[in-house]
Protein backbone atom coordinates (compact mmCIF):
# COMPACT_ATOMS: atom_id res chain seq x y z
CA MET A 1 44.81 -54.84 46.30
CA SER A 2 45.38 -51.22 47.31
CA ALA A 3 42.69 -48.55 47.46
CA ILE A 4 44.15 -46.92 44.34
CA ASP A 5 44.01 -50.25 42.48
CA SER A 6 40.33 -50.66 43.36
CA LEU A 7 39.60 -47.11 42.14
CA ARG A 8 41.11 -47.85 38.71
CA ASP A 9 38.09 -49.96 37.77
CA LEU A 10 35.56 -47.24 38.56
CA ARG A 11 34.02 -45.19 35.78
CA ALA A 12 34.20 -41.39 35.81
CA PHE A 13 30.57 -41.00 36.92
CA GLU A 14 31.16 -43.57 39.70
CA LEU A 15 34.20 -41.59 40.88
CA ALA A 16 32.08 -38.45 41.00
CA ALA A 17 29.31 -40.20 42.95
CA LEU A 18 31.79 -41.75 45.38
CA ALA A 19 33.28 -38.32 46.04
CA GLY A 20 29.85 -36.74 46.46
CA LEU A 21 30.06 -34.40 43.44
CA PRO A 22 26.54 -33.37 42.42
CA LEU A 23 25.94 -34.06 38.73
CA SER A 24 23.08 -32.79 36.59
CA VAL A 25 21.19 -35.19 34.33
CA ALA A 26 23.11 -33.74 31.36
CA GLN A 27 26.49 -34.24 33.03
CA LEU A 28 25.56 -37.76 34.10
CA ALA A 29 24.35 -38.62 30.59
CA ILE A 30 27.62 -37.36 29.07
CA LEU A 31 29.82 -39.26 31.53
CA LYS A 32 27.81 -42.50 31.29
CA ALA A 33 27.72 -42.38 27.47
CA PHE A 34 31.48 -41.69 27.40
CA GLU A 35 32.10 -44.77 29.56
CA GLY A 36 29.65 -46.99 27.63
CA ALA A 37 27.38 -47.45 30.65
CA PRO A 38 23.65 -47.96 30.12
CA LEU A 39 21.48 -44.85 30.37
CA ASP A 40 18.06 -44.75 31.98
CA LYS A 41 15.12 -43.19 30.08
CA GLN A 42 15.72 -39.67 31.40
CA GLU A 43 19.46 -39.84 30.63
CA LEU A 44 18.77 -41.20 27.14
CA ARG A 45 16.35 -38.32 26.43
CA MET A 46 19.02 -35.88 27.61
CA PHE A 47 21.72 -37.61 25.53
CA ARG A 48 19.54 -37.30 22.44
CA GLN A 49 18.83 -33.65 23.18
CA LEU A 50 22.54 -32.94 23.65
CA VAL A 51 23.58 -34.61 20.38
CA GLY A 52 20.63 -33.13 18.48
CA SER A 53 18.94 -36.33 17.30
CA ARG A 54 15.80 -38.05 18.57
CA PHE A 55 17.17 -41.40 17.39
CA ALA A 56 20.77 -41.27 18.63
CA LYS A 57 22.00 -44.16 20.73
CA PRO A 58 25.25 -44.05 22.70
CA ASN A 59 27.97 -46.47 21.65
CA PRO A 60 27.83 -49.43 24.10
CA ALA A 61 31.64 -49.64 23.92
CA GLY A 62 31.96 -46.02 25.03
CA TYR A 63 34.13 -43.39 23.40
CA SER A 64 37.87 -42.71 23.44
CA ARG A 65 37.48 -38.92 23.16
CA LEU A 66 35.01 -36.46 24.58
CA ALA A 67 34.51 -32.88 23.46
CA ALA A 68 31.68 -31.21 25.34
CA GLN A 69 30.64 -27.61 24.82
CA CYS A 70 28.53 -26.48 27.74
CA GLY A 71 26.92 -23.18 28.64
CA ARG A 72 28.46 -20.53 30.83
CA GLN A 73 28.07 -21.09 34.58
CA ALA A 74 27.07 -24.72 33.95
CA GLY A 75 29.50 -26.12 36.51
CA LYS A 76 31.45 -28.02 33.86
CA THR A 77 34.85 -27.10 35.28
CA ARG A 78 33.97 -28.12 38.80
CA HIS A 79 31.87 -31.19 38.10
CA LEU A 80 32.66 -32.63 34.67
CA ASP A 81 36.40 -32.14 34.22
CA ALA A 82 37.51 -33.39 37.65
CA PRO A 83 36.21 -36.98 37.37
CA LEU A 84 37.52 -37.28 33.80
CA VAL A 85 40.96 -36.04 34.87
CA MET A 86 40.95 -38.42 37.85
CA ARG A 87 39.87 -41.31 35.63
CA HIS A 88 42.76 -40.59 33.29
CA ALA A 89 45.17 -40.30 36.22
CA LEU A 90 44.03 -43.64 37.63
CA ARG A 91 43.90 -45.52 34.32
CA THR A 92 47.07 -44.44 32.61
CA VAL A 93 49.16 -46.65 30.42
CA PRO A 94 52.07 -48.42 32.12
CA ARG A 95 55.16 -46.27 32.44
CA SER A 96 58.79 -47.05 33.07
CA PRO A 97 60.00 -46.67 36.67
CA GLY A 98 60.54 -43.00 37.43
CA GLU A 99 58.60 -41.84 34.35
CA THR A 100 55.93 -39.21 35.04
CA LEU A 101 52.73 -38.72 33.08
CA HIS A 102 51.74 -35.06 32.68
CA ILE A 103 48.06 -34.32 32.08
CA PRO A 104 47.71 -30.74 30.81
CA CYS A 105 44.40 -28.92 31.26
CA VAL A 106 43.51 -25.47 29.98
CA GLY A 107 41.15 -22.99 31.62
CA PRO A 108 39.97 -19.68 30.16
CA THR A 109 40.74 -17.62 33.28
CA ARG A 110 42.78 -17.85 36.48
CA GLU A 111 39.55 -18.40 38.40
CA HIS A 112 38.68 -21.41 36.24
CA VAL A 113 42.21 -22.78 36.67
CA ALA A 114 41.95 -22.46 40.45
CA THR A 115 38.51 -24.09 40.41
CA LEU A 116 39.73 -27.07 38.38
CA VAL A 117 42.81 -27.56 40.59
CA ASP A 118 40.56 -27.34 43.67
CA ALA A 119 38.10 -29.83 42.17
CA VAL A 120 40.78 -32.39 41.23
CA ALA A 121 42.42 -32.08 44.66
CA ALA A 122 39.05 -32.32 46.44
CA LEU A 123 38.07 -35.38 44.43
CA ALA A 124 41.45 -37.01 45.14
CA GLY A 125 40.98 -36.25 48.83
CA ALA A 126 37.45 -37.66 48.88
CA LEU A 127 38.71 -40.82 47.17
CA ARG A 128 41.70 -40.97 49.53
CA VAL A 129 44.20 -40.93 46.67
CA PRO A 130 47.52 -39.55 47.97
CA HIS A 131 48.24 -36.22 46.29
CA GLU A 132 50.00 -32.87 46.67
CA ARG A 133 48.15 -29.68 45.72
CA LEU A 134 50.42 -26.94 44.42
CA THR A 135 49.74 -23.70 42.57
CA GLY A 136 48.41 -24.69 39.16
CA GLU A 137 48.88 -28.43 39.59
CA VAL A 138 48.05 -31.56 41.53
CA ARG A 139 50.72 -34.24 41.90
CA PHE A 140 50.03 -37.92 42.48
CA PRO A 141 53.44 -39.31 43.53
CA ALA A 142 52.23 -42.91 44.00
CA LEU A 143 50.78 -42.89 40.47
CA GLY A 144 53.59 -40.96 38.80
CA VAL A 145 51.05 -38.44 37.50
CA VAL A 146 51.02 -34.63 37.47
CA VAL A 147 47.87 -32.74 36.47
CA SER A 148 48.88 -29.23 35.46
CA VAL A 149 46.37 -26.50 34.70
CA ARG A 150 47.17 -23.27 32.85
CA THR A 151 45.19 -20.39 31.42
CA ALA A 152 44.73 -20.33 27.66
CA ASN A 153 46.47 -16.97 27.28
CA SER A 154 49.54 -18.17 29.22
CA ILE A 155 49.91 -21.03 26.74
CA ALA A 156 49.26 -18.88 23.65
CA GLY A 157 51.80 -16.30 24.82
CA ARG A 158 54.69 -18.76 24.91
């Protein structure tokens, strides 16, 4: 089993921990709930606060989609998006030989785009996943995956 194969079984919050990305209780609660992992008491309180219900319980099977709205300067681009993008890159559906999976990401500004590209590349480096960092994208040749990041206005203007 290769190192990449062993990483496929990790959850997004485990990828972040392995790479040394600091996560807040809120970020950890979101990632663990998304993956269907059990939450401790503090994480469960935070989950309930985030969803706005004192009685909410995360789905033990996890969720297939995540839409998180976080406050400005909350570190969501650097800390929350990168492990989710890496998880998707590592756990993609089988593709035909030579077929490439493109994972598009959108950032509000060029600075956010650069931060997300840096975070994905740094996480890949920390996990020792072979990758190439280019302007606006990170390529994973061994996986057949390209993560491309663009600003919202560059997409809307096309």
